[in-house]
Amino acid sequence: MRLPIAVLAAVLPFAPAPARAWEAKAAKVAERLSRPRTPAAARQRRKPGWARKIKAPEDKVFWTEARGGKTFVFGVGLVRGVDNPGLRANAAADRARASLLEGKEGALLEGSEILDWYLDRRGDMYALAVLVR
């Protein structure tokens, strides 16, 4: 069914727009931590680059960046096939922190934060964690 443009113009401004994809960069971490996101805001227009780094839930994906004398360790977690939204978000966050642990060779995860979330159309939840040292 095709709707006339006048109808679309009247309806679309009131529909909640998905957030723009946020890319993980050490330079933007402080700003992102000042405005934390929740799993409820996980819908984004495009799949972020950080979410494209992980292919399967069992993968441990991490990378580091140095900036301003600090080391930023990023970790990505993925959960697939979980219908309960709270359980899905917690599991994705736990897997992202597990990726951080892999990247820090057994260091403590104290101070790690979840920076971003992504929920795809299939219901797969991605979480991005950061640890600043």
C-alpha atoms as a PDB file:
ATOM      1  CA  MET A   1       0.000   0.000   0.000  1.00  0.00           C
ATOM      2  CA  ARG A   2       1.418   3.355  -0.996  1.00  0.00           C
ATOM      3  CA  LEU A   3       0.618   6.427   1.053  1.00  0.00           C
ATOM      4  CA  PRO A   4       0.371   9.910  -0.413  1.00  0.00           C
ATOM      5  CA  ILE A   5       3.284  12.201   0.406  1.00  0.00           C
ATOM      6  CA  ALA A   6       1.005  14.513   2.410  1.00  0.00           C
ATOM      7  CA  VAL A   7       0.115  11.629   4.740  1.00  0.00           C
ATOM      8  CA  LEU A   8       3.755  10.585   5.114  1.00  0.00           C
ATOM      9  CA  ALA A   9       4.818  14.147   5.854  1.00  0.00           C
ATOM     10  CA  ALA A  10       2.193  14.361   8.591  1.00  0.00           C
ATOM     11  CA  VAL A  11       3.131  11.029  10.211  1.00  0.00           C
ATOM     12  CA  LEU A  12       6.913  10.820   9.908  1.00  0.00           C
ATOM     13  CA  PRO A  13       7.858  13.796  12.117  1.00  0.00           C
ATOM     14  CA  PHE A  14       6.168  12.098  15.069  1.00  0.00           C
ATOM     15  CA  ALA A  15       7.820   8.693  14.642  1.00  0.00           C
ATOM     16  CA  PRO A  16      10.867   8.277  16.892  1.00  0.00           C
ATOM     17  CA  ALA A  17      13.986   8.381  14.757  1.00  0.00           C
ATOM     18  CA  PRO A  18      16.743   5.891  15.481  1.00  0.00           C
ATOM     19  CA  ALA A  19      19.986   7.378  16.742  1.00  0.00           C
ATOM     20  CA  ARG A  20      22.921   7.866  14.421  1.00  0.00           C
ATOM     21  CA  ALA A  21      25.691   5.285  14.641  1.00  0.00           C
ATOM     22  CA  TRP A  22      28.398   6.217  17.118  1.00  0.00           C
ATOM     23  CA  GLU A  23      31.929   5.175  16.284  1.00  0.00           C
ATOM     24  CA  ALA A  24      34.337   4.115  19.010  1.00  0.00           C
ATOM     25  CA  LYS A  25      37.257   6.517  19.202  1.00  0.00           C
ATOM     26  CA  ALA A  26      39.395   7.372  22.204  1.00  0.00           C
ATOM     27  CA  ALA A  27      38.896  11.090  21.543  1.00  0.00           C
ATOM     28  CA  LYS A  28      35.132  10.750  22.034  1.00  0.00           C
ATOM     29  CA  VAL A  29      35.067   8.529  25.138  1.00  0.00           C
ATOM     30  CA  ALA A  30      34.874  11.341  27.735  1.00  0.00           C
ATOM     31  CA  GLU A  31      31.961  12.968  25.921  1.00  0.00           C
ATOM     32  CA  ARG A  32      30.148   9.637  25.618  1.00  0.00           C
ATOM     33  CA  LEU A  33      30.646   8.789  29.292  1.00  0.00           C
ATOM     34  CA  SER A  34      29.101  12.130  30.257  1.00  0.00           C
ATOM     35  CA  ARG A  35      25.905  11.108  28.415  1.00  0.00           C
ATOM     36  CA  PRO A  36      25.448   7.388  29.094  1.00  0.00           C
ATOM     37  CA  ARG A  37      23.141   5.392  26.830  1.00  0.00           C
ATOM     38  CA  THR A  38      20.807   2.657  27.932  1.00  0.00           C
ATOM     39  CA  PRO A  39      19.901  -0.560  26.115  1.00  0.00           C
ATOM     40  CA  ALA A  40      16.497   1.032  25.404  1.00  0.00           C
ATOM     41  CA  ALA A  41      18.301   3.413  23.021  1.00  0.00           C
ATOM     42  CA  ALA A  42      20.013   0.580  21.155  1.00  0.00           C
ATOM     43  CA  ARG A  43      18.243   1.093  17.825  1.00  0.00           C
ATOM     44  CA  GLN A  44      20.441   3.014  15.430  1.00  0.00           C
ATOM     45  CA  ARG A  45      20.079   3.825  11.744  1.00  0.00           C
ATOM     46  CA  ARG A  46      23.210   1.966  10.705  1.00  0.00           C
ATOM     47  CA  LYS A  47      25.243  -0.774  12.276  1.00  0.00           C
ATOM     48  CA  PRO A  48      28.209   0.965  13.927  1.00  0.00           C
ATOM     49  CA  GLY A  49      31.718   0.045  12.860  1.00  0.00           C
ATOM     50  CA  TRP A  50      32.494  -1.351  16.307  1.00  0.00           C
ATOM     51  CA  ALA A  51      29.549  -3.787  16.030  1.00  0.00           C
ATOM     52  CA  ARG A  52      30.824  -5.001  12.649  1.00  0.00           C
ATOM     53  CA  LYS A  53      34.017  -6.259  14.299  1.00  0.00           C
ATOM     54  CA  ILE A  54      32.280  -9.225  15.960  1.00  0.00           C
ATOM     55  CA  LYS A  55      30.747 -12.088  13.979  1.00  0.00           C
ATOM     56  CA  ALA A  56      29.675 -14.681  16.587  1.00  0.00           C
ATOM     57  CA  PRO A  57      28.616 -14.533  20.261  1.00  0.00           C
ATOM     58  CA  GLU A  58      31.588 -16.639  21.354  1.00  0.00           C
ATOM     59  CA  ASP A  59      34.138 -14.260  19.763  1.00  0.00           C
ATOM     60  CA  LYS A  60      36.281 -12.059  22.012  1.00  0.00           C
ATOM     61  CA  VAL A  61      36.880  -8.804  20.159  1.00  0.00           C
ATOM     62  CA  PHE A  62      39.002  -6.038  21.677  1.00  0.00           C
ATOM     63  CA  TRP A  63      41.375  -3.311  20.555  1.00  0.00           C
ATOM     64  CA  THR A  64      43.409  -0.574  22.226  1.00  0.00           C
ATOM     65  CA  GLU A  65      44.076   3.071  21.489  1.00  0.00           C
ATOM     66  CA  ALA A  66      46.508   5.408  23.213  1.00  0.00           C
ATOM     67  CA  ARG A  67      45.638   9.070  23.614  1.00  0.00           C
ATOM     68  CA  GLY A  68      46.790  11.773  26.010  1.00  0.00           C
ATOM     69  CA  GLY A  69      48.944   9.413  28.043  1.00  0.00           C
ATOM     70  CA  LYS A  70      46.050   7.010  28.626  1.00  0.00           C
ATOM     71  CA  THR A  71      45.292   3.622  27.139  1.00  0.00           C
ATOM     72  CA  PHE A  72      41.729   2.913  26.053  1.00  0.00           C
ATOM     73  CA  VAL A  73      40.773  -0.739  25.762  1.00  0.00           C
ATOM     74  CA  PHE A  74      37.536  -1.355  23.853  1.00  0.00           C
ATOM     75  CA  GLY A  75      35.632  -4.648  23.945  1.00  0.00           C
ATOM     76  CA  VAL A  76      32.552  -5.826  22.038  1.00  0.00           C
ATOM     77  CA  GLY A  77      29.983  -8.368  23.162  1.00  0.00           C
ATOM     78  CA  LEU A  78      27.180 -10.010  21.168  1.00  0.00           C
ATOM     79  CA  VAL A  79      24.101 -11.935  22.303  1.00  0.00           C
ATOM     80  CA  ARG A  80      21.896 -13.816  19.890  1.00  0.00           C
ATOM     81  CA  GLY A  81      18.580 -15.625  20.459  1.00  0.00           C
ATOM     82  CA  VAL A  82      17.567 -14.114  23.818  1.00  0.00           C
ATOM     83  CA  ASP A  83      14.030 -12.699  23.898  1.00  0.00           C
ATOM     84  CA  ASN A  84      14.045 -11.132  27.377  1.00  0.00           C
ATOM     85  CA  PRO A  85      15.293  -7.519  26.925  1.00  0.00           C
ATOM     86  CA  GLY A  86      16.890  -7.231  30.368  1.00  0.00           C
ATOM     87  CA  LEU A  87      18.661 -10.563  30.143  1.00  0.00           C
ATOM     88  CA  ARG A  88      19.781  -9.794  26.594  1.00  0.00           C
ATOM     89  CA  ALA A  89      21.325  -6.444  27.638  1.00  0.00           C
ATOM     90  CA  ASN A  90      23.046  -7.908  30.712  1.00  0.00           C
ATOM     91  CA  ALA A  91      24.483 -10.802  28.719  1.00  0.00           C
ATOM     92  CA  ALA A  92      25.772  -8.464  25.972  1.00  0.00           C
ATOM     93  CA  ALA A  93      27.404  -6.215  28.597  1.00  0.00           C
ATOM     94  CA  ASP A  94      28.992  -9.239  30.318  1.00  0.00           C
ATOM     95  CA  ARG A  95      30.397 -10.478  27.014  1.00  0.00           C
ATOM     96  CA  ALA A  96      31.787  -7.032  26.190  1.00  0.00           C
ATOM     97  CA  ARG A  97      33.540  -6.986  29.578  1.00  0.00           C
ATOM     98  CA  ALA A  98      34.828 -10.515  28.949  1.00  0.00           C
ATOM     99  CA  SER A  99      36.395  -9.176  25.737  1.00  0.00           C
ATOM    100  CA  LEU A 100      38.034  -6.410  27.798  1.00  0.00           C
ATOM    101  CA  LEU A 101      39.432  -9.022  30.147  1.00  0.00           C
ATOM    102  CA  GLU A 102      40.900 -10.859  27.181  1.00  0.00           C
ATOM    103  CA  GLY A 103      42.546  -7.621  26.054  1.00  0.00           C
ATOM    104  CA  LYS A 104      44.017  -6.789  29.459  1.00  0.00           C
ATOM    105  CA  GLU A 105      45.568 -10.221  30.128  1.00  0.00           C
ATOM    106  CA  GLY A 106      43.728 -10.839  33.393  1.00  0.00           C
ATOM    107  CA  ALA A 107      43.724  -7.285  34.737  1.00  0.00           C
ATOM    108  CA  LEU A 108      40.873  -6.035  36.881  1.00  0.00           C
ATOM    109  CA  LEU A 109      37.841  -4.647  35.100  1.00  0.00           C
ATOM    110  CA  GLU A 110      37.174  -2.070  37.799  1.00  0.00           C
ATOM    111  CA  GLY A 111      36.152   1.167  36.123  1.00  0.00           C
ATOM    112  CA  SER A 112      34.938  -0.413  32.891  1.00  0.00           C
ATOM    113  CA  GLU A 113      31.876   1.229  31.357  1.00  0.00           C
ATOM    114  CA  ILE A 114      29.392   0.330  28.644  1.00  0.00           C
ATOM    115  CA  LEU A 115      29.635   3.094  26.041  1.00  0.00           C
ATOM    116  CA  ASP A 116      27.090   2.038  23.469  1.00  0.00           C
ATOM    117  CA  TRP A 117      24.489  -0.522  22.456  1.00  0.00           C
ATOM    118  CA  TYR A 118      23.213  -1.754  19.113  1.00  0.00           C
ATOM    119  CA  LEU A 119      20.111  -3.893  18.507  1.00  0.00           C
ATOM    120  CA  ASP A 120      19.690  -5.269  14.996  1.00  0.00           C
ATOM    121  CA  ARG A 121      16.479  -6.313  13.248  1.00  0.00           C
ATOM    122  CA  ARG A 122      16.928  -9.971  14.201  1.00  0.00           C
ATOM    123  CA  GLY A 123      17.081  -9.066  17.887  1.00  0.00           C
ATOM    124  CA  ASP A 124      20.840  -9.525  18.284  1.00  0.00           C
ATOM    125  CA  MET A 125      22.189  -7.174  20.955  1.00  0.00           C
ATOM    126  CA  TYR A 126      25.692  -5.710  20.777  1.00  0.00           C
ATOM    127  CA  ALA A 127      27.447  -3.883  23.623  1.00  0.00           C
ATOM    128  CA  LEU A 128      30.609  -1.782  23.535  1.00  0.00           C
ATOM    129  CA  ALA A 129      32.672  -1.530  26.724  1.00  0.00           C
ATOM    130  CA  VAL A 130      35.704   0.622  27.488  1.00  0.00           C
ATOM    131  CA  LEU A 131      38.390   0.495  30.141  1.00  0.00           C
ATOM    132  CA  VAL A 132      40.609   3.558  30.548  1.00  0.00           C
ATOM    133  CA  ARG A 133      44.032   3.140  32.149  1.00  0.00           C
END
